């Protein structure tokens, strides 16, 4: 059985807005785009379910669902100075299969998650934490379903 992980994206720290909207269009057109994402957890394996949580400024919540295409692998640090110093981060290739347009309210709001499932950390400092509980949410209009073990 696969595990479920929470990847994070903070627009205040990394500008992915254009990339996100490109992914949104691709997913809604039936494509399954792949992106390499930083994940501090090195236990991620092929087939694990991945959710992307938008943090920082509102709206905050789960906006993408994907599947890990393999285990994590080391990659140059995303900050140029740290990469030049030889630092690496763990990354995982994720194929995104479901997306919502958070600008239209199509996402699972983090406050709802926090209220319903208070024992899970929904705003972690590191991307790639494992989600530990049973959760089923189908609250978004485009059919985004959040299923966790």
C-alpha atoms as a PDB file:
ATOM      1  CA  UNK A   1       0.000   0.000   0.000  1.00  0.00           C
ATOM      2  CA  UNK A   2       1.295   3.445  -0.852  1.00  0.00           C
ATOM      3  CA  UNK A   3       1.934   6.215   1.631  1.00  0.00           C
ATOM      4  CA  UNK A   4       0.671   9.780   1.375  1.00  0.00           C
ATOM      5  CA  UNK A   5       2.834  12.880   1.625  1.00  0.00           C
ATOM      6  CA  UNK A   6       2.299  16.615   1.835  1.00  0.00           C
ATOM      7  CA  UNK A   7       4.513  18.762  -0.362  1.00  0.00           C
ATOM      8  CA  UNK A   8       4.538  22.485   0.302  1.00  0.00           C
ATOM      9  CA  UNK A   9       4.815  25.628  -1.782  1.00  0.00           C
ATOM     10  CA  UNK A  10       5.144  29.093  -0.285  1.00  0.00           C
ATOM     11  CA  UNK A  11       4.769  31.801  -2.969  1.00  0.00           C
ATOM     12  CA  UNK A  12       6.535  34.232  -0.601  1.00  0.00           C
ATOM     13  CA  UNK A  13       9.682  32.089  -0.929  1.00  0.00           C
ATOM     14  CA  UNK A  14       9.413  30.656  -4.446  1.00  0.00           C
ATOM     15  CA  UNK A  15       7.608  32.111  -7.448  1.00  0.00           C
ATOM     16  CA  UNK A  16       5.695  29.212  -8.962  1.00  0.00           C
ATOM     17  CA  UNK A  17       2.511  31.110  -9.874  1.00  0.00           C
ATOM     18  CA  UNK A  18       3.131  30.897 -13.633  1.00  0.00           C
ATOM     19  CA  UNK A  19       4.216  27.282 -13.378  1.00  0.00           C
ATOM     20  CA  UNK A  20       1.186  26.425 -11.274  1.00  0.00           C
ATOM     21  CA  UNK A  21      -1.243  27.922 -13.758  1.00  0.00           C
ATOM     22  CA  UNK A  22       0.533  26.090 -16.595  1.00  0.00           C
ATOM     23  CA  UNK A  23       0.121  22.825 -14.652  1.00  0.00           C
ATOM     24  CA  UNK A  24      -3.531  23.661 -13.954  1.00  0.00           C
ATOM     25  CA  UNK A  25      -4.237  24.087 -17.678  1.00  0.00           C
ATOM     26  CA  UNK A  26      -2.365  20.887 -18.545  1.00  0.00           C
ATOM     27  CA  UNK A  27      -4.163  18.783 -15.929  1.00  0.00           C
ATOM     28  CA  UNK A  28      -7.558  20.198 -16.878  1.00  0.00           C
ATOM     29  CA  UNK A  29      -6.787  19.340 -20.519  1.00  0.00           C
ATOM     30  CA  UNK A  30      -6.249  15.710 -19.544  1.00  0.00           C
ATOM     31  CA  UNK A  31      -2.455  15.839 -19.498  1.00  0.00           C
ATOM     32  CA  UNK A  32      -0.368  14.550 -16.593  1.00  0.00           C
ATOM     33  CA  UNK A  33       2.591  16.918 -16.240  1.00  0.00           C
ATOM     34  CA  UNK A  34       5.677  15.926 -14.275  1.00  0.00           C
ATOM     35  CA  UNK A  35       7.613  18.187 -11.941  1.00  0.00           C
ATOM     36  CA  UNK A  36      10.645  17.603  -9.747  1.00  0.00           C
ATOM     37  CA  UNK A  37       9.737  18.861  -6.247  1.00  0.00           C
ATOM     38  CA  UNK A  38      11.773  19.281  -3.096  1.00  0.00           C
ATOM     39  CA  UNK A  39      10.831  16.767  -0.411  1.00  0.00           C
ATOM     40  CA  UNK A  40      12.752  16.547   2.841  1.00  0.00           C
ATOM     41  CA  UNK A  41      11.441  13.031   3.452  1.00  0.00           C
ATOM     42  CA  UNK A  42      13.709  10.419   1.882  1.00  0.00           C
ATOM     43  CA  UNK A  43      11.175   7.582   2.431  1.00  0.00           C
ATOM     44  CA  UNK A  44       9.013   8.502  -0.574  1.00  0.00           C
ATOM     45  CA  UNK A  45       8.639   5.618  -3.036  1.00  0.00           C
ATOM     46  CA  UNK A  46       7.201   5.109  -6.501  1.00  0.00           C
ATOM     47  CA  UNK A  47       3.390   5.128  -6.366  1.00  0.00           C
ATOM     48  CA  UNK A  48       3.086   7.210  -3.191  1.00  0.00           C
ATOM     49  CA  UNK A  49       0.341   9.817  -3.270  1.00  0.00           C
ATOM     50  CA  UNK A  50       1.533  13.415  -3.152  1.00  0.00           C
ATOM     51  CA  UNK A  51      -0.512  16.522  -2.310  1.00  0.00           C
ATOM     52  CA  UNK A  52       0.746  20.059  -2.806  1.00  0.00           C
ATOM     53  CA  UNK A  53      -0.193  22.562  -0.100  1.00  0.00           C
ATOM     54  CA  UNK A  54       0.003  26.267  -0.976  1.00  0.00           C
ATOM     55  CA  UNK A  55       1.218  28.126   2.117  1.00  0.00           C
ATOM     56  CA  UNK A  56       2.119  31.737   2.909  1.00  0.00           C
ATOM     57  CA  UNK A  57      -0.377  34.328   1.726  1.00  0.00           C
ATOM     58  CA  UNK A  58      -4.016  33.389   1.279  1.00  0.00           C
ATOM     59  CA  UNK A  59      -5.471  31.378  -0.242  1.00  0.00           C
ATOM     60  CA  UNK A  60      -3.747  28.520   1.577  1.00  0.00           C
ATOM     61  CA  UNK A  61      -4.636  24.904   1.021  1.00  0.00           C
ATOM     62  CA  UNK A  62      -4.206  21.764  -1.054  1.00  0.00           C
ATOM     63  CA  UNK A  63      -4.174  22.625  -4.737  1.00  0.00           C
ATOM     64  CA  UNK A  64      -2.605  19.650  -6.570  1.00  0.00           C
ATOM     65  CA  UNK A  65      -2.618  15.873  -6.298  1.00  0.00           C
ATOM     66  CA  UNK A  66       0.028  13.674  -7.845  1.00  0.00           C
ATOM     67  CA  UNK A  67       1.825  10.356  -7.782  1.00  0.00           C
ATOM     68  CA  UNK A  68       5.536   9.877  -7.048  1.00  0.00           C
ATOM     69  CA  UNK A  69       7.291   8.385 -10.065  1.00  0.00           C
ATOM     70  CA  UNK A  70      10.165   7.063  -7.993  1.00  0.00           C
ATOM     71  CA  UNK A  71      12.015   7.488  -4.753  1.00  0.00           C
ATOM     72  CA  UNK A  72      13.631  10.749  -3.799  1.00  0.00           C
ATOM     73  CA  UNK A  73      17.003  11.673  -5.245  1.00  0.00           C
ATOM     74  CA  UNK A  74      19.631  14.298  -4.385  1.00  0.00           C
ATOM     75  CA  UNK A  75      19.706  17.485  -6.447  1.00  0.00           C
ATOM     76  CA  UNK A  76      21.509  20.821  -6.270  1.00  0.00           C
ATOM     77  CA  UNK A  77      20.138  23.212  -3.674  1.00  0.00           C
ATOM     78  CA  UNK A  78      17.557  25.629  -5.066  1.00  0.00           C
ATOM     79  CA  UNK A  79      19.391  28.679  -3.658  1.00  0.00           C
ATOM     80  CA  UNK A  80      22.293  29.558  -5.989  1.00  0.00           C
ATOM     81  CA  UNK A  81      24.799  30.360  -3.225  1.00  0.00           C
ATOM     82  CA  UNK A  82      24.068  27.128  -1.370  1.00  0.00           C
ATOM     83  CA  UNK A  83      24.247  25.118  -4.588  1.00  0.00           C
ATOM     84  CA  UNK A  84      27.620  26.724  -5.347  1.00  0.00           C
ATOM     85  CA  UNK A  85      28.777  25.583  -1.897  1.00  0.00           C
ATOM     86  CA  UNK A  86      27.854  22.018  -2.830  1.00  0.00           C
ATOM     87  CA  UNK A  87      24.645  21.720  -0.806  1.00  0.00           C
ATOM     88  CA  UNK A  88      21.993  19.340  -2.062  1.00  0.00           C
ATOM     89  CA  UNK A  89      18.325  18.733  -1.318  1.00  0.00           C
ATOM     90  CA  UNK A  90      16.158  15.664  -1.753  1.00  0.00           C
ATOM     91  CA  UNK A  91      13.753  15.876  -4.698  1.00  0.00           C
ATOM     92  CA  UNK A  92      11.054  13.619  -6.051  1.00  0.00           C
ATOM     93  CA  UNK A  93       9.519  13.458  -9.531  1.00  0.00           C
ATOM     94  CA  UNK A  94       5.752  13.877  -9.251  1.00  0.00           C
ATOM     95  CA  UNK A  95       3.184  13.336 -11.971  1.00  0.00           C
ATOM     96  CA  UNK A  96       0.239  15.600 -11.236  1.00  0.00           C
ATOM     97  CA  UNK A  97      -3.183  14.114 -11.920  1.00  0.00           C
ATOM     98  CA  UNK A  98      -5.645  16.531 -10.301  1.00  0.00           C
ATOM     99  CA  UNK A  99      -5.564  20.284  -9.827  1.00  0.00           C
ATOM    100  CA  UNK A 100      -7.777  23.096  -8.659  1.00  0.00           C
ATOM    101  CA  UNK A 101      -7.823  26.794  -9.401  1.00  0.00           C
ATOM    102  CA  UNK A 102      -7.389  28.304  -5.955  1.00  0.00           C
ATOM    103  CA  UNK A 103      -8.206  31.763  -7.351  1.00  0.00           C
ATOM    104  CA  UNK A 104     -11.736  30.405  -7.948  1.00  0.00           C
ATOM    105  CA  UNK A 105     -12.007  28.617  -4.607  1.00  0.00           C
ATOM    106  CA  UNK A 106     -11.156  25.172  -6.022  1.00  0.00           C
ATOM    107  CA  UNK A 107      -8.862  23.896  -3.296  1.00  0.00           C
ATOM    108  CA  UNK A 108      -9.087  22.331   0.152  1.00  0.00           C
ATOM    109  CA  UNK A 109      -8.609  25.192   2.575  1.00  0.00           C
ATOM    110  CA  UNK A 110      -5.983  24.561   5.225  1.00  0.00           C
ATOM    111  CA  UNK A 111      -8.250  25.946   7.983  1.00  0.00           C
ATOM    112  CA  UNK A 112     -10.831  23.240   7.173  1.00  0.00           C
ATOM    113  CA  UNK A 113      -8.118  20.584   7.305  1.00  0.00           C
ATOM    114  CA  UNK A 114      -6.772  22.006  10.563  1.00  0.00           C
ATOM    115  CA  UNK A 115     -10.229  22.064  12.169  1.00  0.00           C
ATOM    116  CA  UNK A 116     -11.275  18.586  11.011  1.00  0.00           C
ATOM    117  CA  UNK A 117      -7.910  16.896  11.532  1.00  0.00           C
ATOM    118  CA  UNK A 118      -6.069  18.802  14.286  1.00  0.00           C
ATOM    119  CA  UNK A 119      -3.508  16.033  14.919  1.00  0.00           C
ATOM    120  CA  UNK A 120      -1.937  16.492  11.472  1.00  0.00           C
ATOM    121  CA  UNK A 121       0.579  19.267  10.791  1.00  0.00           C
ATOM    122  CA  UNK A 122      -0.840  21.115   7.773  1.00  0.00           C
ATOM    123  CA  UNK A 123       1.774  23.887   7.715  1.00  0.00           C
ATOM    124  CA  UNK A 124       5.119  22.094   8.030  1.00  0.00           C
ATOM    125  CA  UNK A 125       8.478  23.833   7.745  1.00  0.00           C
ATOM    126  CA  UNK A 126       9.748  21.108   5.406  1.00  0.00           C
ATOM    127  CA  UNK A 127       8.077  19.832   2.251  1.00  0.00           C
ATOM    128  CA  UNK A 128       7.391  16.114   2.064  1.00  0.00           C
ATOM    129  CA  UNK A 129       5.996  15.158   5.466  1.00  0.00           C
ATOM    130  CA  UNK A 130       3.989  11.949   5.692  1.00  0.00           C
ATOM    131  CA  UNK A 131       0.262  12.254   6.313  1.00  0.00           C
ATOM    132  CA  UNK A 132      -0.687   9.805   9.013  1.00  0.00           C
ATOM    133  CA  UNK A 133      -4.461   9.715   9.272  1.00  0.00           C
ATOM    134  CA  UNK A 134      -7.558   8.529   7.449  1.00  0.00           C
ATOM    135  CA  UNK A 135      -9.039  11.428   5.576  1.00  0.00           C
ATOM    136  CA  UNK A 136     -11.543  11.615   2.766  1.00  0.00           C
ATOM    137  CA  UNK A 137     -12.518  15.010   1.421  1.00  0.00           C
ATOM    138  CA  UNK A 138     -14.424  15.760  -1.759  1.00  0.00           C
ATOM    139  CA  UNK A 139     -15.269  19.378  -1.126  1.00  0.00           C
ATOM    140  CA  UNK A 140     -14.133  20.927  -4.377  1.00  0.00           C
ATOM    141  CA  UNK A 141     -16.232  21.464  -7.471  1.00  0.00           C
ATOM    142  CA  UNK A 142     -13.780  19.882  -9.906  1.00  0.00           C
ATOM    143  CA  UNK A 143     -13.861  16.514  -8.195  1.00  0.00           C
ATOM    144  CA  UNK A 144     -10.574  16.706  -6.318  1.00  0.00           C
ATOM    145  CA  UNK A 145     -10.619  13.890  -3.800  1.00  0.00           C
ATOM    146  CA  UNK A 146      -8.263  13.773  -0.873  1.00  0.00           C
ATOM    147  CA  UNK A 147      -7.739  10.185   0.283  1.00  0.00           C
ATOM    148  CA  UNK A 148      -5.159   9.336   2.862  1.00  0.00           C
ATOM    149  CA  UNK A 149      -4.326   6.212   4.753  1.00  0.00           C
END
